[in-house]
Amino acid sequence: MADVYTSPEKHVVLYNNVKMPILGLGTSHNGGYSHEAVVYALKTCGYRHIDTAKRYGCETYIARAVEESGVPREEVFLATKCWPTDYGTTTTREAFNGSCQRLGSEYLDMYLLHWPDVPSSVKDKKQLLRDTWRTLEVLLDEERVRVIGVSNFLERHLEMIMEECSVIPHVNQCEFHPYNNPKELREYCAERSIQFEGYSPLAKGLALKEPTVEAIAKLHRKTASQILIRWSLQGKVPAIPKSTNVERVMENSKVYDFVLSEEDMATLDNMRGKLTIMDPSGIQAKIDNPLPDGYKLNIIKVQAQP
């Protein structure tokens, strides 16, 4: 598992010395999956970090996109997630192997626990999370994965794992944009060398019309999306914006030729308003009453290959 990432300003170095590209392309079953956009991101725009999850149902398509892009597998940072119904010593390993198979890779660059929630039928939630985390630690020891972490975990959830873990999570991936900026959680992670990573940096487009963001964009002659992504990256928070539009994918990648001022950063850091794109209150029902992975997936422009 060669480490090929060499440009420091485009990477964050995790506490185990793995370099993770600071800008990635997010995927999900919400809003569809565009094969053309993923291939374009890799081949033309220079993306080298692709984020997905078993739950999204598009791992197989991503494997095909990496192959079609011509970018060597070892140059792509592939990250996926374990859904809570797969938590457990044996089932997590099976889920991991399934993701590897669908992604066409013998190893993963990053594997995350998707949510801190578990099925309601589980009597000891804390023990299940610890057993599942131990399985990730073993996969790390076996060099099947380079980075292990969690997603959507708050301080109390992290504590459940860290009370007995051998490896502190390398990454905690959470919703992050100016309307949802969990400063205390970010500080908590930083104090423990856990890299905070953000998804939904554009707040599903809702932050693009914010007057504060538009004013900063006009000042720098950039788009609102570029300002929001640059704010995240400049704050050392890796961002994984989603888009099925090739023009937007290119636009979102052009964030390295300007710098936000300290005043700009502070303005965005302290922007008023509170908005949560991913409502955690509905996750338990989705775990207890599971639908097939990718049940909402709308495949856009997948080339007809076997």
C-alpha atoms as a PDB file:
ATOM      1  CA  MET A   1       0.000   0.000   0.000  1.00  0.00           C
ATOM      2  CA  ALA A   2       2.298   2.696  -1.292  1.00  0.00           C
ATOM      3  CA  ASP A   3       1.931   6.240   0.005  1.00  0.00           C
ATOM      4  CA  VAL A   4       2.054   8.431  -3.109  1.00  0.00           C
ATOM      5  CA  TYR A   5       0.693  11.707  -1.754  1.00  0.00           C
ATOM      6  CA  THR A   6       3.439  14.323  -1.804  1.00  0.00           C
ATOM      7  CA  SER A   7       1.883  17.808  -1.989  1.00  0.00           C
ATOM      8  CA  PRO A   8       1.595  19.019   1.633  1.00  0.00           C
ATOM      9  CA  GLU A   9      -0.822  21.874   0.975  1.00  0.00           C
ATOM     10  CA  LYS A  10      -3.269  19.419  -0.589  1.00  0.00           C
ATOM     11  CA  HIS A  11      -3.099  16.868   2.222  1.00  0.00           C
ATOM     12  CA  VAL A  12      -3.484  16.471   5.926  1.00  0.00           C
ATOM     13  CA  VAL A  13      -1.099  14.169   7.763  1.00  0.00           C
ATOM     14  CA  LEU A  14      -2.878  11.911  10.208  1.00  0.00           C
ATOM     15  CA  TYR A  15      -1.269  10.914  13.502  1.00  0.00           C
ATOM     16  CA  ASN A  16      -0.178   7.575  11.999  1.00  0.00           C
ATOM     17  CA  ASN A  17       1.675   9.566   9.283  1.00  0.00           C
ATOM     18  CA  VAL A  18      -0.742   8.661   6.482  1.00  0.00           C
ATOM     19  CA  LYS A  19      -1.328  11.564   4.110  1.00  0.00           C
ATOM     20  CA  MET A  20      -4.988  12.044   3.261  1.00  0.00           C
ATOM     21  CA  PRO A  21      -5.956  14.316   0.340  1.00  0.00           C
ATOM     22  CA  ILE A  22      -7.710  17.290   1.882  1.00  0.00           C
ATOM     23  CA  LEU A  23     -10.228  17.592  -0.968  1.00  0.00           C
ATOM     24  CA  GLY A  24     -12.316  14.626  -2.006  1.00  0.00           C
ATOM     25  CA  LEU A  25     -15.386  13.812  -4.033  1.00  0.00           C
ATOM     26  CA  GLY A  26     -18.358  12.710  -1.985  1.00  0.00           C
ATOM     27  CA  THR A  27     -20.943  10.212  -3.201  1.00  0.00           C
ATOM     28  CA  SER A  28     -24.279   8.998  -1.855  1.00  0.00           C
ATOM     29  CA  HIS A  29     -27.584   7.572  -3.006  1.00  0.00           C
ATOM     30  CA  ASN A  30     -29.251  10.936  -2.433  1.00  0.00           C
ATOM     31  CA  GLY A  31     -29.194  12.957  -5.630  1.00  0.00           C
ATOM     32  CA  GLY A  32     -27.979  10.112  -7.783  1.00  0.00           C
ATOM     33  CA  TYR A  33     -24.637   8.753  -8.865  1.00  0.00           C
ATOM     34  CA  SER A  34     -23.024  10.139 -12.012  1.00  0.00           C
ATOM     35  CA  HIS A  35     -20.432   7.826 -13.460  1.00  0.00           C
ATOM     36  CA  GLU A  36     -19.276  10.526 -15.858  1.00  0.00           C
ATOM     37  CA  ALA A  37     -18.676  12.942 -12.981  1.00  0.00           C
ATOM     38  CA  VAL A  38     -16.552  10.490 -10.978  1.00  0.00           C
ATOM     39  CA  VAL A  39     -14.411   9.556 -13.981  1.00  0.00           C
ATOM     40  CA  TYR A  40     -14.049  13.252 -14.866  1.00  0.00           C
ATOM     41  CA  ALA A  41     -13.083  14.134 -11.292  1.00  0.00           C
ATOM     42  CA  LEU A  42     -10.271  11.604 -11.315  1.00  0.00           C
ATOM     43  CA  LYS A  43      -9.088  11.935 -14.906  1.00  0.00           C
ATOM     44  CA  THR A  44      -9.428  15.669 -15.522  1.00  0.00           C
ATOM     45  CA  CYS A  45      -9.823  17.540 -12.225  1.00  0.00           C
ATOM     46  CA  GLY A  46      -7.109  15.851 -10.190  1.00  0.00           C
ATOM     47  CA  TYR A  47      -9.286  14.458  -7.401  1.00  0.00           C
ATOM     48  CA  ARG A  48      -7.501  11.639  -5.577  1.00  0.00           C
ATOM     49  CA  HIS A  49      -9.919  11.068  -2.692  1.00  0.00           C
ATOM     50  CA  ILE A  50     -13.264   9.347  -3.253  1.00  0.00           C
ATOM     51  CA  ASP A  51     -15.657   8.941  -0.332  1.00  0.00           C
ATOM     52  CA  THR A  52     -18.516   6.432  -0.371  1.00  0.00           C
ATOM     53  CA  ALA A  53     -20.288   3.881   1.822  1.00  0.00           C
ATOM     54  CA  LYS A  54     -21.741   0.410   1.520  1.00  0.00           C
ATOM     55  CA  ARG A  55     -25.094   1.978   2.307  1.00  0.00           C
ATOM     56  CA  TYR A  56     -24.990   4.144  -0.823  1.00  0.00           C
ATOM     57  CA  GLY A  57     -24.940   1.127  -3.154  1.00  0.00           C
ATOM     58  CA  CYS A  58     -22.418   2.603  -5.597  1.00  0.00           C
ATOM     59  CA  GLU A  59     -19.135   0.926  -4.600  1.00  0.00           C
ATOM     60  CA  THR A  60     -19.182  -1.279  -7.721  1.00  0.00           C
ATOM     61  CA  TYR A  61     -19.615   1.749  -9.979  1.00  0.00           C
ATOM     62  CA  ILE A  62     -16.764   3.567  -8.251  1.00  0.00           C
ATOM     63  CA  ALA A  63     -14.451   0.619  -8.902  1.00  0.00           C
ATOM     64  CA  ARG A  64     -15.365   0.855 -12.575  1.00  0.00           C
ATOM     65  CA  ALA A  65     -14.822   4.623 -12.566  1.00  0.00           C
ATOM     66  CA  VAL A  66     -11.322   4.304 -11.087  1.00  0.00           C
ATOM     67  CA  GLU A  67     -10.439   1.765 -13.755  1.00  0.00           C
ATOM     68  CA  GLU A  68     -11.873   3.864 -16.585  1.00  0.00           C
ATOM     69  CA  SER A  69     -10.091   7.004 -15.358  1.00  0.00           C
ATOM     70  CA  GLY A  70      -6.691   5.415 -15.933  1.00  0.00           C
ATOM     71  CA  VAL A  71      -5.481   6.647 -12.537  1.00  0.00           C
ATOM     72  CA  PRO A  72      -3.543   3.867 -10.776  1.00  0.00           C
ATOM     73  CA  ARG A  73      -5.388   2.412  -7.794  1.00  0.00           C
ATOM     74  CA  GLU A  74      -2.514   3.264  -5.430  1.00  0.00           C
ATOM     75  CA  GLU A  75      -2.926   6.951  -6.265  1.00  0.00           C
ATOM     76  CA  VAL A  76      -6.588   7.023  -5.212  1.00  0.00           C
ATOM     77  CA  PHE A  77      -7.539   7.381  -1.549  1.00  0.00           C
ATOM     78  CA  LEU A  78     -10.647   5.174  -1.321  1.00  0.00           C
ATOM     79  CA  ALA A  79     -12.833   5.628   1.750  1.00  0.00           C
ATOM     80  CA  THR A  80     -15.994   3.716   2.602  1.00  0.00           C
ATOM     81  CA  LYS A  81     -18.150   3.026   5.659  1.00  0.00           C
ATOM     82  CA  CYS A  82     -19.673   0.198   7.668  1.00  0.00           C
ATOM     83  CA  TRP A  83     -23.439   0.456   8.252  1.00  0.00           C
ATOM     84  CA  PRO A  84     -24.634  -0.239  11.840  1.00  0.00           C
ATOM     85  CA  THR A  85     -26.497  -3.431  10.907  1.00  0.00           C
ATOM     86  CA  ASP A  86     -23.065  -4.843  10.018  1.00  0.00           C
ATOM     87  CA  TYR A  87     -21.504  -3.994  13.386  1.00  0.00           C
ATOM     88  CA  GLY A  88     -19.967  -6.936  15.267  1.00  0.00           C
ATOM     89  CA  THR A  89     -16.751  -8.929  15.251  1.00  0.00           C
ATOM     90  CA  THR A  90     -17.644 -11.286  12.399  1.00  0.00           C
ATOM     91  CA  THR A  91     -20.168  -9.199  10.503  1.00  0.00           C
ATOM     92  CA  THR A  92     -17.899  -6.149  10.316  1.00  0.00           C
ATOM     93  CA  ARG A  93     -15.106  -8.207   8.776  1.00  0.00           C
ATOM     94  CA  GLU A  94     -17.586  -9.650   6.283  1.00  0.00           C
ATOM     95  CA  ALA A  95     -18.824  -6.154   5.437  1.00  0.00           C
ATOM     96  CA  PHE A  96     -15.257  -4.936   5.001  1.00  0.00           C
ATOM     97  CA  ASN A  97     -14.434  -7.825   2.661  1.00  0.00           C
ATOM     98  CA  GLY A  98     -17.618  -7.123   0.707  1.00  0.00           C
ATOM     99  CA  SER A  99     -16.677  -3.468   0.253  1.00  0.00           C
ATOM    100  CA  CYS A 100     -13.186  -4.463  -0.903  1.00  0.00           C
ATOM    101  CA  GLN A 101     -14.675  -6.853  -3.432  1.00  0.00           C
ATOM    102  CA  ARG A 102     -17.131  -4.296  -4.783  1.00  0.00           C
ATOM    103  CA  LEU A 103     -14.440  -1.591  -4.920  1.00  0.00           C
ATOM    104  CA  GLY A 104     -12.098  -3.975  -6.730  1.00  0.00           C
ATOM    105  CA  SER A 105      -9.311  -3.575  -4.209  1.00  0.00           C
ATOM    106  CA  GLU A 106      -7.454  -5.853  -1.799  1.00  0.00           C
ATOM    107  CA  TYR A 107      -7.224  -3.004   0.711  1.00  0.00           C
ATOM    108  CA  LEU A 108      -8.988   0.215   1.652  1.00  0.00           C
ATOM    109  CA  ASP A 109      -7.398   3.549   2.406  1.00  0.00           C
ATOM    110  CA  MET A 110     -10.005   4.428   5.021  1.00  0.00           C
ATOM    111  CA  TYR A 111     -12.826   2.523   6.712  1.00  0.00           C
ATOM    112  CA  LEU A 112     -15.303   4.323   8.972  1.00  0.00           C
ATOM    113  CA  LEU A 113     -18.140   3.352  11.288  1.00  0.00           C
ATOM    114  CA  HIS A 114     -21.037   5.122   9.616  1.00  0.00           C
ATOM    115  CA  TRP A 115     -23.057   6.078  12.747  1.00  0.00           C
ATOM    116  CA  PRO A 116     -22.750   5.645  16.504  1.00  0.00           C
ATOM    117  CA  ASP A 117     -26.285   4.190  16.585  1.00  0.00           C
ATOM    118  CA  VAL A 118     -26.862   0.417  16.646  1.00  0.00           C
ATOM    119  CA  PRO A 119     -29.967  -1.752  16.207  1.00  0.00           C
ATOM    120  CA  SER A 120     -32.481  -1.282  19.032  1.00  0.00           C
ATOM    121  CA  SER A 121     -32.441  -5.033  19.688  1.00  0.00           C
ATOM    122  CA  VAL A 122     -28.831  -4.808  20.893  1.00  0.00           C
ATOM    123  CA  LYS A 123     -28.713  -4.959  24.695  1.00  0.00           C
ATOM    124  CA  ASP A 124     -25.204  -3.574  25.188  1.00  0.00           C
ATOM    125  CA  LYS A 125     -24.577  -0.746  22.698  1.00  0.00           C
ATOM    126  CA  LYS A 126     -21.229   0.189  24.193  1.00  0.00           C
ATOM    127  CA  GLN A 127     -19.880  -3.359  23.962  1.00  0.00           C
ATOM    128  CA  LEU A 128     -21.016  -3.743  20.356  1.00  0.00           C
ATOM    129  CA  LEU A 129     -19.255  -0.519  19.382  1.00  0.00           C
ATOM    130  CA  ARG A 130     -16.108  -1.657  21.177  1.00  0.00           C
ATOM    131  CA  ASP A 131     -16.177  -5.117  19.546  1.00  0.00           C
ATOM    132  CA  THR A 132     -16.695  -3.510  16.145  1.00  0.00           C
ATOM    133  CA  TRP A 133     -13.876  -1.055  16.716  1.00  0.00           C
ATOM    134  CA  ARG A 134     -11.579  -3.885  17.767  1.00  0.00           C
ATOM    135  CA  THR A 135     -12.285  -5.547  14.418  1.00  0.00           C
ATOM    136  CA  LEU A 136     -11.160  -2.365  12.658  1.00  0.00           C
ATOM    137  CA  GLU A 137      -7.998  -2.377  14.772  1.00  0.00           C
ATOM    138  CA  VAL A 138      -7.279  -5.956  13.674  1.00  0.00           C
ATOM    139  CA  LEU A 139      -7.835  -5.033  10.015  1.00  0.00           C
ATOM    140  CA  LEU A 140      -5.366  -2.182  10.530  1.00  0.00           C
ATOM    141  CA  ASP A 141      -2.849  -4.597  12.079  1.00  0.00           C
ATOM    142  CA  GLU A 142      -3.303  -6.907   9.088  1.00  0.00           C
ATOM    143  CA  GLU A 143      -2.614  -3.968   6.735  1.00  0.00           C
ATOM    144  CA  ARG A 144      -5.965  -4.431   5.044  1.00  0.00           C
ATOM    145  CA  VAL A 145      -6.728  -0.768   5.730  1.00  0.00           C
ATOM    146  CA  ARG A 146      -4.522   2.291   6.204  1.00  0.00           C
ATOM    147  CA  VAL A 147      -6.845   4.539   8.225  1.00  0.00           C
ATOM    148  CA  ILE A 148      -9.705   3.675  10.579  1.00  0.00           C
ATOM    149  CA  GLY A 149     -12.232   6.093  11.950  1.00  0.00           C
ATOM    150  CA  VAL A 150     -15.825   7.030  12.618  1.00  0.00           C
ATOM    151  CA  SER A 151     -18.549   9.211  11.157  1.00  0.00           C
ATOM    152  CA  ASN A 152     -21.171  11.341  12.901  1.00  0.00           C
ATOM    153  CA  PHE A 153     -19.700  10.633  16.348  1.00  0.00           C
ATOM    154  CA  LEU A 154     -20.059  13.170  19.153  1.00  0.00           C
ATOM    155  CA  GLU A 155     -17.796  13.385  22.191  1.00  0.00           C
ATOM    156  CA  ARG A 156     -19.807  10.871  24.218  1.00  0.00           C
ATOM    157  CA  HIS A 157     -19.708   8.356  21.380  1.00  0.00           C
ATOM    158  CA  LEU A 158     -15.958   8.715  20.971  1.00  0.00           C
ATOM    159  CA  GLU A 159     -15.530   8.160  24.691  1.00  0.00           C
ATOM    160  CA  MET A 160     -17.280   4.777  24.436  1.00  0.00           C
ATOM    161  CA  ILE A 161     -14.571   3.584  22.078  1.00  0.00           C
ATOM    162  CA  MET A 162     -11.566   5.324  23.572  1.00  0.00           C
ATOM    163  CA  GLU A 163     -12.117   3.976  27.094  1.00  0.00           C
ATOM    164  CA  GLU A 164     -10.719   0.615  25.967  1.00  0.00           C
ATOM    165  CA  CYS A 165      -9.310   1.028  22.454  1.00  0.00           C
ATOM    166  CA  SER A 166      -5.761   0.279  21.347  1.00  0.00           C
ATOM    167  CA  VAL A 167      -5.974   2.704  18.400  1.00  0.00           C
ATOM    168  CA  ILE A 168      -7.625   6.107  18.727  1.00  0.00           C
ATOM    169  CA  PRO A 169      -9.790   6.899  15.665  1.00  0.00           C
ATOM    170  CA  HIS A 170      -7.698   8.580  13.010  1.00  0.00           C
ATOM    171  CA  VAL A 171     -10.693  10.473  11.567  1.00  0.00           C
ATOM    172  CA  ASN A 172     -14.151  11.639  12.617  1.00  0.00           C
ATOM    173  CA  GLN A 173     -16.256  12.606   9.587  1.00  0.00           C
ATOM    174  CA  CYS A 174     -19.197  14.897  10.374  1.00  0.00           C
ATOM    175  CA  GLU A 175     -21.437  17.450   8.726  1.00  0.00           C
ATOM    176  CA  PHE A 176     -19.532  20.723   8.411  1.00  0.00           C
ATOM    177  CA  HIS A 177     -20.356  24.109   6.915  1.00  0.00           C
ATOM    178  CA  PRO A 178     -20.794  27.649   8.324  1.00  0.00           C
ATOM    179  CA  TYR A 179     -24.335  26.820   9.486  1.00  0.00           C
ATOM    180  CA  ASN A 180     -23.115  23.668  11.230  1.00  0.00           C
ATOM    181  CA  ASN A 181     -19.709  24.331  12.749  1.00  0.00           C
ATOM    182  CA  PRO A 182     -19.280  22.146  15.886  1.00  0.00           C
ATOM    183  CA  LYS A 183     -16.376  24.040  17.439  1.00  0.00           C
ATOM    184  CA  GLU A 184     -16.318  22.117  20.725  1.00  0.00           C
ATOM    185  CA  LEU A 185     -16.303  18.764  18.930  1.00  0.00           C
ATOM    186  CA  ARG A 186     -13.534  19.975  16.620  1.00  0.00           C
ATOM    187  CA  GLU A 187     -11.464  21.075  19.612  1.00  0.00           C
ATOM    188  CA  TYR A 188     -12.117  17.766  21.360  1.00  0.00           C
ATOM    189  CA  CYS A 189     -10.879  15.875  18.297  1.00  0.00           C
ATOM    190  CA  ALA A 190      -7.844  18.123  17.843  1.00  0.00           C
ATOM    191  CA  GLU A 191      -6.779  17.627  21.465  1.00  0.00           C
ATOM    192  CA  ARG A 192      -6.763  13.861  20.847  1.00  0.00           C
ATOM    193  CA  SER A 193      -5.125  13.988  17.395  1.00  0.00           C
ATOM    194  CA  ILE A 194      -8.351  12.864  15.707  1.00  0.00           C
ATOM    195  CA  GLN A 195      -8.656  14.492  12.294  1.00  0.00           C
ATOM    196  CA  PHE A 196     -12.036  16.176  11.891  1.00  0.00           C
ATOM    197  CA  GLU A 197     -13.351  15.765   8.324  1.00  0.00           C
ATOM    198  CA  GLY A 198     -16.407  17.547   6.923  1.00  0.00           C
ATOM    199  CA  TYR A 199     -19.183  16.492   4.588  1.00  0.00           C
ATOM    200  CA  SER A 200     -21.894  18.695   3.012  1.00  0.00           C
ATOM    201  CA  PRO A 201     -19.557  21.744   2.846  1.00  0.00           C
ATOM    202  CA  LEU A 202     -22.117  23.602   0.724  1.00  0.00           C
ATOM    203  CA  ALA A 203     -25.047  22.702   3.015  1.00  0.00           C
ATOM    204  CA  LYS A 204     -26.725  21.092   0.000  1.00  0.00           C
ATOM    205  CA  GLY A 205     -26.470  24.413  -1.787  1.00  0.00           C
ATOM    206  CA  LEU A 206     -28.354  26.313   0.908  1.00  0.00           C
ATOM    207  CA  ALA A 207     -25.255  28.303   1.909  1.00  0.00           C
ATOM    208  CA  LEU A 208     -24.540  29.462  -1.639  1.00  0.00           C
ATOM    209  CA  LYS A 209     -27.054  32.315  -1.456  1.00  0.00           C
ATOM    210  CA  GLU A 210     -25.948  33.505   1.966  1.00  0.00           C
ATOM    211  CA  PRO A 211     -25.140  37.243   1.576  1.00  0.00           C
ATOM    212  CA  THR A 212     -21.983  36.912   3.690  1.00  0.00           C
ATOM    213  CA  VAL A 213     -20.656  34.152   1.462  1.00  0.00           C
ATOM    214  CA  GLU A 214     -21.638  35.994  -1.714  1.00  0.00           C
ATOM    215  CA  ALA A 215     -19.814  39.141  -0.537  1.00  0.00           C
ATOM    216  CA  ILE A 216     -16.587  37.227   0.136  1.00  0.00           C
ATOM    217  CA  ALA A 217     -16.933  35.449  -3.209  1.00  0.00           C
ATOM    218  CA  LYS A 218     -17.278  38.779  -5.031  1.00  0.00           C
ATOM    219  CA  LEU A 219     -14.215  40.132  -3.230  1.00  0.00           C
ATOM    220  CA  HIS A 220     -12.073  37.206  -4.383  1.00  0.00           C
ATOM    221  CA  ARG A 221     -13.742  36.860  -7.800  1.00  0.00           C
ATOM    222  CA  LYS A 222     -14.636  33.277  -6.959  1.00  0.00           C
ATOM    223  CA  THR A 223     -17.891  31.359  -6.705  1.00  0.00           C
ATOM    224  CA  ALA A 224     -19.697  30.842  -3.413  1.00  0.00           C
ATOM    225  CA  SER A 225     -18.958  27.115  -3.513  1.00  0.00           C
ATOM    226  CA  GLN A 226     -15.234  27.791  -3.936  1.00  0.00           C
ATOM    227  CA  ILE A 227     -15.306  30.125  -0.924  1.00  0.00           C
ATOM    228  CA  LEU A 228     -17.038  27.543   1.269  1.00  0.00           C
ATOM    229  CA  ILE A 229     -14.680  24.755   0.257  1.00  0.00           C
ATOM    230  CA  ARG A 230     -11.620  26.977   0.643  1.00  0.00           C
ATOM    231  CA  TRP A 231     -12.812  27.979   4.134  1.00  0.00           C
ATOM    232  CA  SER A 232     -12.985  24.315   5.108  1.00  0.00           C
ATOM    233  CA  LEU A 233      -9.596  23.389   3.650  1.00  0.00           C
ATOM    234  CA  GLN A 234      -7.856  26.476   4.978  1.00  0.00           C
ATOM    235  CA  GLY A 235      -9.197  25.562   8.413  1.00  0.00           C
ATOM    236  CA  LYS A 236      -7.539  22.133   8.033  1.00  0.00           C
ATOM    237  CA  VAL A 237     -10.897  20.375   7.688  1.00  0.00           C
ATOM    238  CA  PRO A 238     -10.884  17.976   4.713  1.00  0.00           C
ATOM    239  CA  ALA A 239     -13.952  18.485   2.529  1.00  0.00           C
ATOM    240  CA  ILE A 240     -15.822  16.008   0.322  1.00  0.00           C
ATOM    241  CA  PRO A 241     -18.347  18.024  -1.732  1.00  0.00           C
ATOM    242  CA  LYS A 242     -20.792  16.034  -3.860  1.00  0.00           C
ATOM    243  CA  SER A 243     -21.914  16.811  -7.377  1.00  0.00           C
ATOM    244  CA  THR A 244     -23.206  14.885 -10.388  1.00  0.00           C
ATOM    245  CA  ASN A 245     -22.468  17.850 -12.667  1.00  0.00           C
ATOM    246  CA  VAL A 246     -19.039  17.837 -14.329  1.00  0.00           C
ATOM    247  CA  GLU A 247     -18.849  21.645 -14.422  1.00  0.00           C
ATOM    248  CA  ARG A 248     -19.504  21.801 -10.682  1.00  0.00           C
ATOM    249  CA  VAL A 249     -16.962  19.061 -10.032  1.00  0.00           C
ATOM    250  CA  MET A 250     -14.340  21.112 -11.853  1.00  0.00           C
ATOM    251  CA  GLU A 251     -15.416  24.329 -10.146  1.00  0.00           C
ATOM    252  CA  ASN A 252     -15.141  22.739  -6.712  1.00  0.00           C
ATOM    253  CA  SER A 253     -11.572  21.625  -7.417  1.00  0.00           C
ATOM    254  CA  LYS A 254     -10.284  25.125  -8.232  1.00  0.00           C
ATOM    255  CA  VAL A 255      -9.638  26.242  -4.661  1.00  0.00           C
ATOM    256  CA  TYR A 256      -5.845  26.341  -4.469  1.00  0.00           C
ATOM    257  CA  ASP A 257      -5.098  29.619  -6.282  1.00  0.00           C
ATOM    258  CA  PHE A 258      -6.353  32.034  -3.629  1.00  0.00           C
ATOM    259  CA  VAL A 259      -6.256  32.508   0.145  1.00  0.00           C
ATOM    260  CA  LEU A 260      -8.961  33.784   2.453  1.00  0.00           C
ATOM    261  CA  SER A 261      -7.888  36.523   4.849  1.00  0.00           C
ATOM    262  CA  GLU A 262      -8.038  36.094   8.613  1.00  0.00           C
ATOM    263  CA  GLU A 263     -11.063  38.392   8.560  1.00  0.00           C
ATOM    264  CA  ASP A 264     -12.777  36.236   5.924  1.00  0.00           C
ATOM    265  CA  MET A 265     -12.086  33.099   7.942  1.00  0.00           C
ATOM    266  CA  ALA A 266     -13.378  34.657  11.153  1.00  0.00           C
ATOM    267  CA  THR A 267     -16.522  35.917   9.422  1.00  0.00           C
ATOM    268  CA  LEU A 268     -17.356  32.449   8.122  1.00  0.00           C
ATOM    269  CA  ASP A 269     -16.348  30.808  11.407  1.00  0.00           C
ATOM    270  CA  ASN A 270     -18.886  32.950  13.244  1.00  0.00           C
ATOM    271  CA  MET A 271     -21.663  33.117  10.682  1.00  0.00           C
ATOM    272  CA  ARG A 272     -25.102  33.210  12.261  1.00  0.00           C
ATOM    273  CA  GLY A 273     -27.707  30.574  11.642  1.00  0.00           C
ATOM    274  CA  LYS A 274     -28.058  26.896  12.427  1.00  0.00           C
ATOM    275  CA  LEU A 275     -28.886  24.241   9.873  1.00  0.00           C
ATOM    276  CA  THR A 276     -28.502  20.470   9.953  1.00  0.00           C
ATOM    277  CA  ILE A 277     -28.617  18.688   6.599  1.00  0.00           C
ATOM    278  CA  MET A 278     -28.338  15.180   7.994  1.00  0.00           C
ATOM    279  CA  ASP A 279     -30.887  14.754  10.775  1.00  0.00           C
ATOM    280  CA  PRO A 280     -29.592  12.075  13.161  1.00  0.00           C
ATOM    281  CA  SER A 281     -33.051  11.601  14.708  1.00  0.00           C
ATOM    282  CA  GLY A 282     -34.175   9.568  11.703  1.00  0.00           C
ATOM    283  CA  ILE A 283     -31.213   7.206  11.585  1.00  0.00           C
ATOM    284  CA  GLN A 284     -32.464   4.763  14.241  1.00  0.00           C
ATOM    285  CA  ALA A 285     -35.584   3.985  12.205  1.00  0.00           C
ATOM    286  CA  LYS A 286     -33.456   3.348   9.109  1.00  0.00           C
ATOM    287  CA  ILE A 287     -31.311   0.923  11.115  1.00  0.00           C
ATOM    288  CA  ASP A 288     -34.225  -0.938  12.708  1.00  0.00           C
ATOM    289  CA  ASN A 289     -36.276  -1.082   9.508  1.00  0.00           C
ATOM    290  CA  PRO A 290     -33.570  -1.526   6.882  1.00  0.00           C
ATOM    291  CA  LEU A 291     -34.124  -1.073   3.192  1.00  0.00           C
ATOM    292  CA  PRO A 292     -31.652  -2.400   0.586  1.00  0.00           C
ATOM    293  CA  ASP A 293     -28.341  -0.568   0.201  1.00  0.00           C
ATOM    294  CA  GLY A 294     -28.681   2.139  -2.411  1.00  0.00           C
ATOM    295  CA  TYR A 295     -32.483   1.984  -2.239  1.00  0.00           C
ATOM    296  CA  LYS A 296     -32.730   5.621  -3.364  1.00  0.00           C
ATOM    297  CA  LEU A 297     -29.881   5.441  -5.837  1.00  0.00           C
ATOM    298  CA  ASN A 298     -30.512   6.937  -9.238  1.00  0.00           C
ATOM    299  CA  ILE A 299     -27.721   5.915 -11.597  1.00  0.00           C
ATOM    300  CA  ILE A 300     -26.764   8.664 -14.012  1.00  0.00           C
ATOM    301  CA  LYS A 301     -24.675   8.006 -17.099  1.00  0.00           C
ATOM    302  CA  VAL A 302     -23.110   4.664 -16.208  1.00  0.00           C
ATOM    303  CA  GLN A 303     -21.385   3.211 -19.212  1.00  0.00           C
ATOM    304  CA  ALA A 304     -22.823  -0.087 -20.390  1.00  0.00           C
ATOM    305  CA  GLN A 305     -20.216  -2.584 -19.273  1.00  0.00           C
ATOM    306  CA  PRO A 306     -20.647  -6.058 -17.751  1.00  0.00           C
END
